[in-house]
Amino acid sequence: MKCQTTELEIETLVNRIKTGDMDLQPGFQRGEIWLPQKKKKLIDSILRGWRIPPIHVVRSSNVIDEVLDGQQRLAAIRDFYDNVICVDGQIEPYDSSIAELDGKFYQDLPGEWRRQFLQYSVTIVRLTEYKPEEPAELFYRLNQPTALTSAEQRNAYIGVTRDQVKDLSNKFISLGASKELIGFSNSRLAYDEIISKFCYTVEIGTLKKKITSTDISGQYRRGIPFSEKCIAAVNDTIERFVECVQSCPDFKFT
């Protein structure tokens, strides 16, 4: 199987979809399942100029590109172009220029924004000269679910809050934290998850409030650092905890 990569502007993609040269729903595809808010996030990414994942298509015997992977993304682009969904200007991270477009459909956008949208390039990977079973195998591999944990998602927020938690997590490991010692490892940033929640609890100074992943993610996203007093307290607690566990070799976490 050969994989040929090209870049197509959205204007070309929409035209190909409307003329039938690109088929969004070949026999092996599922239906359109994205909810409007997820579609709006994709449009938001495009308006910001961020890159989106490539679209994989299979060149059929009648020279039609059948979408193998990327159907939902293309459907969202088509729906925005057709004025079915509008811009959500309140999607984080906040951008004042995008906020000015809040609630506007494609037809209502200023000319420069319409042109920017139409000229946005999407990577297309076209499969040719394939064995019958190869596209299906690639589809399966591309769509294996790999849901990110909350800690893994927050790890993408580059900033002082993440760095504080990362330093504490590394300190925890350097002191001897391991699966053998405390019953679980830092696989999938499990230590970061617990430490970030502990820091948040220390910072707000109460155990009565239920802490959610949204609370912590908001602090990461806004780049609000934990106070020096909080970090010092958590650091001291980590040291005392590891020391306590190591002093009781017969105690096992289960």
C-alpha atoms as a PDB file:
ATOM      1  CA  MET A   1       0.000   0.000   0.000  1.00  0.00           C
ATOM      2  CA  LYS A   2       1.277   3.457  -0.924  1.00  0.00           C
ATOM      3  CA  CYS A   3       0.532   6.551   1.166  1.00  0.00           C
ATOM      4  CA  GLN A   4       0.738   9.816  -0.759  1.00  0.00           C
ATOM      5  CA  THR A   5       0.537  13.050   1.233  1.00  0.00           C
ATOM      6  CA  THR A   6      -0.756  16.349  -0.084  1.00  0.00           C
ATOM      7  CA  GLU A   7      -2.137  19.628   1.262  1.00  0.00           C
ATOM      8  CA  LEU A   8      -5.596  20.825   0.215  1.00  0.00           C
ATOM      9  CA  GLU A   9      -7.224  24.110   1.150  1.00  0.00           C
ATOM     10  CA  ILE A  10     -10.658  23.971   2.764  1.00  0.00           C
ATOM     11  CA  GLU A  11     -12.228  25.647  -0.272  1.00  0.00           C
ATOM     12  CA  THR A  12     -11.055  22.735  -2.427  1.00  0.00           C
ATOM     13  CA  LEU A  13     -12.145  20.145   0.141  1.00  0.00           C
ATOM     14  CA  VAL A  14     -15.665  21.599   0.419  1.00  0.00           C
ATOM     15  CA  ASN A  15     -16.023  21.700  -3.370  1.00  0.00           C
ATOM     16  CA  ARG A  16     -14.892  18.080  -3.657  1.00  0.00           C
ATOM     17  CA  ILE A  17     -17.365  17.002  -0.975  1.00  0.00           C
ATOM     18  CA  LYS A  18     -20.248  18.820  -2.684  1.00  0.00           C
ATOM     19  CA  THR A  19     -19.427  17.420  -6.136  1.00  0.00           C
ATOM     20  CA  GLY A  20     -19.129  13.879  -4.772  1.00  0.00           C
ATOM     21  CA  ASP A  21     -15.433  13.580  -5.576  1.00  0.00           C
ATOM     22  CA  MET A  22     -14.847  12.970  -1.867  1.00  0.00           C
ATOM     23  CA  ASP A  23     -17.217  10.538  -0.138  1.00  0.00           C
ATOM     24  CA  LEU A  24     -17.668  11.100   3.610  1.00  0.00           C
ATOM     25  CA  GLN A  25     -19.789   7.992   4.131  1.00  0.00           C
ATOM     26  CA  PRO A  26     -18.472   4.969   2.250  1.00  0.00           C
ATOM     27  CA  GLY A  27     -19.801   1.594   3.354  1.00  0.00           C
ATOM     28  CA  PHE A  28     -17.222   1.078   6.119  1.00  0.00           C
ATOM     29  CA  GLN A  29     -17.818   4.442   7.813  1.00  0.00           C
ATOM     30  CA  ARG A  30     -19.999   5.092  10.839  1.00  0.00           C
ATOM     31  CA  GLY A  31     -22.548   7.894  10.856  1.00  0.00           C
ATOM     32  CA  GLU A  32     -21.831  11.468  11.864  1.00  0.00           C
ATOM     33  CA  ILE A  33     -21.664  11.402  15.666  1.00  0.00           C
ATOM     34  CA  TRP A  34     -19.947  14.634  16.744  1.00  0.00           C
ATOM     35  CA  LEU A  35     -22.150  16.936  18.808  1.00  0.00           C
ATOM     36  CA  PRO A  36     -22.263  20.650  17.829  1.00  0.00           C
ATOM     37  CA  GLN A  37     -19.874  21.706  20.613  1.00  0.00           C
ATOM     38  CA  LYS A  38     -17.160  19.335  19.419  1.00  0.00           C
ATOM     39  CA  LYS A  39     -17.601  20.618  15.878  1.00  0.00           C
ATOM     40  CA  LYS A  40     -17.270  24.180  17.155  1.00  0.00           C
ATOM     41  CA  LYS A  41     -13.981  23.323  18.863  1.00  0.00           C
ATOM     42  CA  LEU A  42     -12.590  22.090  15.553  1.00  0.00           C
ATOM     43  CA  ILE A  43     -13.683  25.290  13.810  1.00  0.00           C
ATOM     44  CA  ASP A  44     -12.123  27.276  16.652  1.00  0.00           C
ATOM     45  CA  SER A  45      -8.816  25.454  16.103  1.00  0.00           C
ATOM     46  CA  ILE A  46      -8.937  26.264  12.384  1.00  0.00           C
ATOM     47  CA  LEU A  47      -9.731  29.939  12.959  1.00  0.00           C
ATOM     48  CA  ARG A  48      -6.759  30.143  15.343  1.00  0.00           C
ATOM     49  CA  GLY A  49      -4.533  28.600  12.664  1.00  0.00           C
ATOM     50  CA  TRP A  50      -3.768  25.511  14.706  1.00  0.00           C
ATOM     51  CA  ARG A  51      -2.987  22.257  12.910  1.00  0.00           C
ATOM     52  CA  ILE A  52      -5.576  19.478  12.929  1.00  0.00           C
ATOM     53  CA  PRO A  53      -4.839  15.764  12.359  1.00  0.00           C
ATOM     54  CA  PRO A  54      -4.499  14.574   8.754  1.00  0.00           C
ATOM     55  CA  ILE A  55      -7.400  13.098   6.797  1.00  0.00           C
ATOM     56  CA  HIS A  56      -6.878   9.599   5.381  1.00  0.00           C
ATOM     57  CA  VAL A  57      -8.694   8.706   2.159  1.00  0.00           C
ATOM     58  CA  VAL A  58      -8.803   5.625  -0.046  1.00  0.00           C
ATOM     59  CA  ARG A  59      -8.689   6.165  -3.803  1.00  0.00           C
ATOM     60  CA  SER A  60     -11.446   3.936  -5.211  1.00  0.00           C
ATOM     61  CA  SER A  61     -11.553   2.267  -8.616  1.00  0.00           C
ATOM     62  CA  ASN A  62     -13.857   5.035  -9.929  1.00  0.00           C
ATOM     63  CA  VAL A  63     -11.361   7.719  -8.833  1.00  0.00           C
ATOM     64  CA  ILE A  64     -13.335   8.893  -5.809  1.00  0.00           C
ATOM     65  CA  ASP A  65     -11.605   9.570  -2.514  1.00  0.00           C
ATOM     66  CA  GLU A  66     -13.449   7.592   0.177  1.00  0.00           C
ATOM     67  CA  VAL A  67     -12.757   8.982   3.630  1.00  0.00           C
ATOM     68  CA  LEU A  68     -11.129   6.353   5.816  1.00  0.00           C
ATOM     69  CA  ASP A  69     -10.307   8.532   8.828  1.00  0.00           C
ATOM     70  CA  GLY A  70     -11.407  12.117   9.400  1.00  0.00           C
ATOM     71  CA  GLN A  71     -15.089  11.925   8.525  1.00  0.00           C
ATOM     72  CA  GLN A  72     -16.203  13.823  11.629  1.00  0.00           C
ATOM     73  CA  ARG A  73     -13.679  16.612  11.009  1.00  0.00           C
ATOM     74  CA  LEU A  74     -14.740  17.055   7.393  1.00  0.00           C
ATOM     75  CA  ALA A  75     -18.418  17.019   8.368  1.00  0.00           C
ATOM     76  CA  ALA A  76     -17.754  19.799  10.891  1.00  0.00           C
ATOM     77  CA  ILE A  77     -15.957  21.867   8.235  1.00  0.00           C
ATOM     78  CA  ARG A  78     -18.831  21.305   5.777  1.00  0.00           C
ATOM     79  CA  ASP A  79     -21.453  22.224   8.402  1.00  0.00           C
ATOM     80  CA  PHE A  80     -19.694  25.466   9.259  1.00  0.00           C
ATOM     81  CA  TYR A  81     -19.373  26.379   5.587  1.00  0.00           C
ATOM     82  CA  ASP A  82     -23.087  25.620   5.132  1.00  0.00           C
ATOM     83  CA  ASN A  83     -24.019  27.864   8.109  1.00  0.00           C
ATOM     84  CA  VAL A  84     -25.308  24.953  10.192  1.00  0.00           C
ATOM     85  CA  ILE A  85     -23.042  25.727  13.171  1.00  0.00           C
ATOM     86  CA  CYS A  86     -21.657  29.045  14.365  1.00  0.00           C
ATOM     87  CA  VAL A  87     -18.476  30.247  16.075  1.00  0.00           C
ATOM     88  CA  ASP A  88     -18.217  29.786  19.829  1.00  0.00           C
ATOM     89  CA  GLY A  89     -16.090  32.708  20.948  1.00  0.00           C
ATOM     90  CA  GLN A  90     -15.915  31.580  24.581  1.00  0.00           C
ATOM     91  CA  ILE A  91     -13.841  28.416  24.059  1.00  0.00           C
ATOM     92  CA  GLU A  92     -10.698  28.341  26.204  1.00  0.00           C
ATOM     93  CA  PRO A  93      -8.058  29.640  25.971  1.00  0.00           C
ATOM     94  CA  TYR A  94      -9.842  32.960  25.572  1.00  0.00           C
ATOM     95  CA  ASP A  95      -8.908  34.946  22.472  1.00  0.00           C
ATOM     96  CA  SER A  96     -10.344  38.433  22.076  1.00  0.00           C
ATOM     97  CA  SER A  97     -10.314  38.296  18.258  1.00  0.00           C
ATOM     98  CA  ILE A  98     -12.230  34.992  18.269  1.00  0.00           C
ATOM     99  CA  ALA A  99     -14.593  36.323  20.952  1.00  0.00           C
ATOM    100  CA  GLU A 100     -15.644  39.080  18.560  1.00  0.00           C
ATOM    101  CA  LEU A 101     -16.947  36.367  16.210  1.00  0.00           C
ATOM    102  CA  ASP A 102     -19.079  34.676  18.885  1.00  0.00           C
ATOM    103  CA  GLY A 103     -22.409  33.483  17.493  1.00  0.00           C
ATOM    104  CA  LYS A 104     -21.541  34.325  13.887  1.00  0.00           C
ATOM    105  CA  PHE A 105     -22.127  31.856  11.080  1.00  0.00           C
ATOM    106  CA  TYR A 106     -19.711  31.550   8.169  1.00  0.00           C
ATOM    107  CA  GLN A 107     -21.846  33.853   6.018  1.00  0.00           C
ATOM    108  CA  ASP A 108     -21.679  36.541   8.724  1.00  0.00           C
ATOM    109  CA  LEU A 109     -17.894  36.560   9.128  1.00  0.00           C
ATOM    110  CA  PRO A 110     -15.862  39.546   7.948  1.00  0.00           C
ATOM    111  CA  GLY A 111     -14.274  38.931   4.563  1.00  0.00           C
ATOM    112  CA  GLU A 112     -10.760  38.403   5.905  1.00  0.00           C
ATOM    113  CA  TRP A 113     -11.977  35.673   8.276  1.00  0.00           C
ATOM    114  CA  ARG A 114     -13.876  33.873   5.489  1.00  0.00           C
ATOM    115  CA  ARG A 115     -10.764  33.959   3.322  1.00  0.00           C
ATOM    116  CA  GLN A 116      -8.595  32.737   6.186  1.00  0.00           C
ATOM    117  CA  PHE A 117     -10.984  29.818   6.738  1.00  0.00           C
ATOM    118  CA  LEU A 118     -11.129  28.875   3.037  1.00  0.00           C
ATOM    119  CA  GLN A 119      -7.349  29.094   2.644  1.00  0.00           C
ATOM    120  CA  TYR A 120      -6.605  26.894   5.667  1.00  0.00           C
ATOM    121  CA  SER A 121      -4.664  23.800   4.492  1.00  0.00           C
ATOM    122  CA  VAL A 122      -5.498  20.268   5.623  1.00  0.00           C
ATOM    123  CA  THR A 123      -3.095  17.358   5.206  1.00  0.00           C
ATOM    124  CA  ILE A 124      -4.582  14.572   3.100  1.00  0.00           C
ATOM    125  CA  VAL A 125      -3.057  11.079   3.070  1.00  0.00           C
ATOM    126  CA  ARG A 126      -4.271   9.154   0.008  1.00  0.00           C
ATOM    127  CA  LEU A 127      -3.963   5.353  -0.022  1.00  0.00           C
ATOM    128  CA  THR A 128      -3.342   3.659  -3.362  1.00  0.00           C
ATOM    129  CA  GLU A 129      -2.131   0.280  -4.609  1.00  0.00           C
ATOM    130  CA  TYR A 130      -3.430  -1.436  -1.492  1.00  0.00           C
ATOM    131  CA  LYS A 131      -4.355  -5.004  -0.688  1.00  0.00           C
ATOM    132  CA  PRO A 132      -8.042  -5.474   0.226  1.00  0.00           C
ATOM    133  CA  GLU A 133      -7.333  -5.920   3.924  1.00  0.00           C
ATOM    134  CA  GLU A 134      -4.848  -3.043   4.336  1.00  0.00           C
ATOM    135  CA  PRO A 135      -7.202   0.004   4.548  1.00  0.00           C
ATOM    136  CA  ALA A 136      -9.355  -1.747   7.167  1.00  0.00           C
ATOM    137  CA  GLU A 137      -6.288  -2.596   9.237  1.00  0.00           C
ATOM    138  CA  LEU A 138      -5.091   1.026   9.071  1.00  0.00           C
ATOM    139  CA  PHE A 139      -8.578   2.250  10.045  1.00  0.00           C
ATOM    140  CA  TYR A 140      -8.505  -0.037  13.075  1.00  0.00           C
ATOM    141  CA  ARG A 141      -5.070   1.166  14.144  1.00  0.00           C
ATOM    142  CA  LEU A 142      -5.981   4.835  13.718  1.00  0.00           C
ATOM    143  CA  ASN A 143      -9.135   4.451  15.789  1.00  0.00           C
ATOM    144  CA  GLN A 144      -7.942   2.359  18.719  1.00  0.00           C
ATOM    145  CA  PRO A 145      -9.230   4.229  21.772  1.00  0.00           C
ATOM    146  CA  THR A 146      -6.527   5.814  23.903  1.00  0.00           C
ATOM    147  CA  ALA A 147      -8.348   8.054  26.339  1.00  0.00           C
ATOM    148  CA  LEU A 148      -6.070  10.445  28.185  1.00  0.00           C
ATOM    149  CA  THR A 149      -6.207  10.629  31.954  1.00  0.00           C
ATOM    150  CA  SER A 150      -6.940  14.004  33.564  1.00  0.00           C
ATOM    151  CA  ALA A 151      -3.276  14.315  34.564  1.00  0.00           C
ATOM    152  CA  GLU A 152      -2.127  13.567  31.004  1.00  0.00           C
ATOM    153  CA  GLN A 153      -4.457  16.234  29.656  1.00  0.00           C
ATOM    154  CA  ARG A 154      -3.237  18.807  32.167  1.00  0.00           C
ATOM    155  CA  ASN A 155       0.371  17.952  31.368  1.00  0.00           C
ATOM    156  CA  ALA A 156      -0.122  19.738  28.040  1.00  0.00           C
ATOM    157  CA  TYR A 157      -0.721  23.064  29.844  1.00  0.00           C
ATOM    158  CA  ILE A 158       2.793  24.466  29.795  1.00  0.00           C
ATOM    159  CA  GLY A 159       3.294  26.877  32.662  1.00  0.00           C
ATOM    160  CA  VAL A 160       4.293  27.462  36.259  1.00  0.00           C
ATOM    161  CA  THR A 161       1.455  25.387  37.778  1.00  0.00           C
ATOM    162  CA  ARG A 162       2.413  22.286  35.828  1.00  0.00           C
ATOM    163  CA  ASP A 163       6.080  22.829  36.639  1.00  0.00           C
ATOM    164  CA  GLN A 164       5.344  23.085  40.371  1.00  0.00           C
ATOM    165  CA  VAL A 165       3.472  19.781  40.374  1.00  0.00           C
ATOM    166  CA  LYS A 166       6.091  18.143  38.150  1.00  0.00           C
ATOM    167  CA  ASP A 167       8.881  19.205  40.535  1.00  0.00           C
ATOM    168  CA  LEU A 168       6.985  17.730  43.489  1.00  0.00           C
ATOM    169  CA  SER A 169       6.299  14.516  41.578  1.00  0.00           C
ATOM    170  CA  ASN A 170       9.963  14.182  40.651  1.00  0.00           C
ATOM    171  CA  LYS A 171      10.887  14.839  44.282  1.00  0.00           C
ATOM    172  CA  PHE A 172       8.476  12.075  45.352  1.00  0.00           C
ATOM    173  CA  ILE A 173      10.163   9.640  42.952  1.00  0.00           C
ATOM    174  CA  SER A 174      13.676  10.690  43.967  1.00  0.00           C
ATOM    175  CA  LEU A 175      12.832   9.954  47.601  1.00  0.00           C
ATOM    176  CA  GLY A 176      11.956   6.391  46.638  1.00  0.00           C
ATOM    177  CA  ALA A 177       8.296   6.376  45.613  1.00  0.00           C
ATOM    178  CA  SER A 178       7.613   3.331  43.446  1.00  0.00           C
ATOM    179  CA  LYS A 179       5.071   0.585  42.875  1.00  0.00           C
ATOM    180  CA  GLU A 180       7.001  -1.633  45.277  1.00  0.00           C
ATOM    181  CA  LEU A 181       6.946   0.996  48.015  1.00  0.00           C
ATOM    182  CA  ILE A 182       3.451   2.487  47.803  1.00  0.00           C
ATOM    183  CA  GLY A 183       1.532   0.037  45.627  1.00  0.00           C
ATOM    184  CA  PHE A 184       1.370   1.938  42.325  1.00  0.00           C
ATOM    185  CA  SER A 185       3.751   3.621  39.916  1.00  0.00           C
ATOM    186  CA  ASN A 186       3.712   6.973  38.143  1.00  0.00           C
ATOM    187  CA  SER A 187       2.355   5.317  35.019  1.00  0.00           C
ATOM    188  CA  ARG A 188       0.075   7.774  33.209  1.00  0.00           C
ATOM    189  CA  LEU A 189       1.165  10.509  35.658  1.00  0.00           C
ATOM    190  CA  ALA A 190      -0.661   9.030  38.640  1.00  0.00           C
ATOM    191  CA  TYR A 191       1.645  10.817  41.114  1.00  0.00           C
ATOM    192  CA  ASP A 192       1.035  14.138  39.358  1.00  0.00           C
ATOM    193  CA  GLU A 193      -2.707  13.591  39.679  1.00  0.00           C
ATOM    194  CA  ILE A 194      -2.614  12.967  43.424  1.00  0.00           C
ATOM    195  CA  ILE A 195      -0.108  15.727  44.148  1.00  0.00           C
ATOM    196  CA  SER A 196      -2.061  18.313  42.135  1.00  0.00           C
ATOM    197  CA  LYS A 197      -5.232  17.481  44.099  1.00  0.00           C
ATOM    198  CA  PHE A 198      -3.327  17.635  47.378  1.00  0.00           C
ATOM    199  CA  CYS A 199      -1.838  21.016  46.449  1.00  0.00           C
ATOM    200  CA  TYR A 200      -5.287  22.345  45.547  1.00  0.00           C
ATOM    201  CA  THR A 201      -6.706  21.118  48.866  1.00  0.00           C
ATOM    202  CA  VAL A 202      -3.878  22.725  50.842  1.00  0.00           C
ATOM    203  CA  GLU A 203      -4.262  25.954  48.906  1.00  0.00           C
ATOM    204  CA  ILE A 204      -8.002  26.356  49.570  1.00  0.00           C
ATOM    205  CA  GLY A 205      -7.532  25.239  53.195  1.00  0.00           C
ATOM    206  CA  THR A 206     -10.543  22.945  53.542  1.00  0.00           C
ATOM    207  CA  LEU A 207     -11.540  19.306  53.094  1.00  0.00           C
ATOM    208  CA  LYS A 208     -15.226  20.170  52.785  1.00  0.00           C
ATOM    209  CA  LYS A 209     -15.088  21.207  49.127  1.00  0.00           C
ATOM    210  CA  LYS A 210     -15.309  18.470  46.525  1.00  0.00           C
ATOM    211  CA  ILE A 211     -12.386  18.939  44.177  1.00  0.00           C
ATOM    212  CA  THR A 212     -12.989  18.119  40.511  1.00  0.00           C
ATOM    213  CA  SER A 213     -10.642  17.737  37.577  1.00  0.00           C
ATOM    214  CA  THR A 214     -12.254  20.879  36.154  1.00  0.00           C
ATOM    215  CA  ASP A 215     -11.127  22.885  39.198  1.00  0.00           C
ATOM    216  CA  ILE A 216      -7.520  21.804  38.824  1.00  0.00           C
ATOM    217  CA  SER A 217      -7.485  22.096  35.028  1.00  0.00           C
ATOM    218  CA  GLY A 218      -8.753  25.652  35.360  1.00  0.00           C
ATOM    219  CA  GLN A 219      -5.805  26.549  37.556  1.00  0.00           C
ATOM    220  CA  TYR A 220      -3.381  24.930  35.096  1.00  0.00           C
ATOM    221  CA  ARG A 221      -5.015  26.639  32.112  1.00  0.00           C
ATOM    222  CA  ARG A 222      -4.910  30.087  33.689  1.00  0.00           C
ATOM    223  CA  GLY A 223      -1.339  29.552  34.894  1.00  0.00           C
ATOM    224  CA  ILE A 224      -2.179  30.359  38.504  1.00  0.00           C
ATOM    225  CA  PRO A 225       0.724  29.134  40.657  1.00  0.00           C
ATOM    226  CA  PHE A 226       0.236  27.521  44.042  1.00  0.00           C
ATOM    227  CA  SER A 227       1.548  29.732  46.837  1.00  0.00           C
ATOM    228  CA  GLU A 228       5.036  29.248  48.256  1.00  0.00           C
ATOM    229  CA  LYS A 229       3.444  28.302  51.573  1.00  0.00           C
ATOM    230  CA  CYS A 230       1.385  25.600  49.868  1.00  0.00           C
ATOM    231  CA  ILE A 231       4.360  24.153  47.968  1.00  0.00           C
ATOM    232  CA  ALA A 232       6.478  24.113  51.142  1.00  0.00           C
ATOM    233  CA  ALA A 233       3.743  22.276  53.056  1.00  0.00           C
ATOM    234  CA  VAL A 234       3.259  19.690  50.316  1.00  0.00           C
ATOM    235  CA  ASN A 235       6.994  19.182  49.952  1.00  0.00           C
ATOM    236  CA  ASP A 236       7.317  18.598  53.705  1.00  0.00           C
ATOM    237  CA  THR A 237       4.373  16.166  53.649  1.00  0.00           C
ATOM    238  CA  ILE A 238       5.902  14.177  50.798  1.00  0.00           C
ATOM    239  CA  GLU A 239       9.195  13.842  52.677  1.00  0.00           C
ATOM    240  CA  ARG A 240       7.464  12.751  55.888  1.00  0.00           C
ATOM    241  CA  PHE A 241       5.195  10.299  54.059  1.00  0.00           C
ATOM    242  CA  VAL A 242       8.049   8.510  52.285  1.00  0.00           C
ATOM    243  CA  GLU A 243      10.115   8.445  55.463  1.00  0.00           C
ATOM    244  CA  CYS A 244       7.195   6.922  57.372  1.00  0.00           C
ATOM    245  CA  VAL A 245       6.538   4.229  54.771  1.00  0.00           C
ATOM    246  CA  GLN A 246      10.223   3.318  54.483  1.00  0.00           C
ATOM    247  CA  SER A 247      10.483   2.949  58.263  1.00  0.00           C
ATOM    248  CA  CYS A 248       7.788   0.249  58.207  1.00  0.00           C
ATOM    249  CA  PRO A 249       9.162  -2.419  55.845  1.00  0.00           C
ATOM    250  CA  ASP A 250       6.475  -4.933  56.842  1.00  0.00           C
ATOM    251  CA  PHE A 251       3.644  -2.592  55.845  1.00  0.00           C
ATOM    252  CA  LYS A 252       2.271  -3.176  52.331  1.00  0.00           C
ATOM    253  CA  PHE A 253      -0.186  -1.051  50.376  1.00  0.00           C
ATOM    254  CA  THR A 254      -2.863  -3.067  48.579  1.00  0.00           C
END
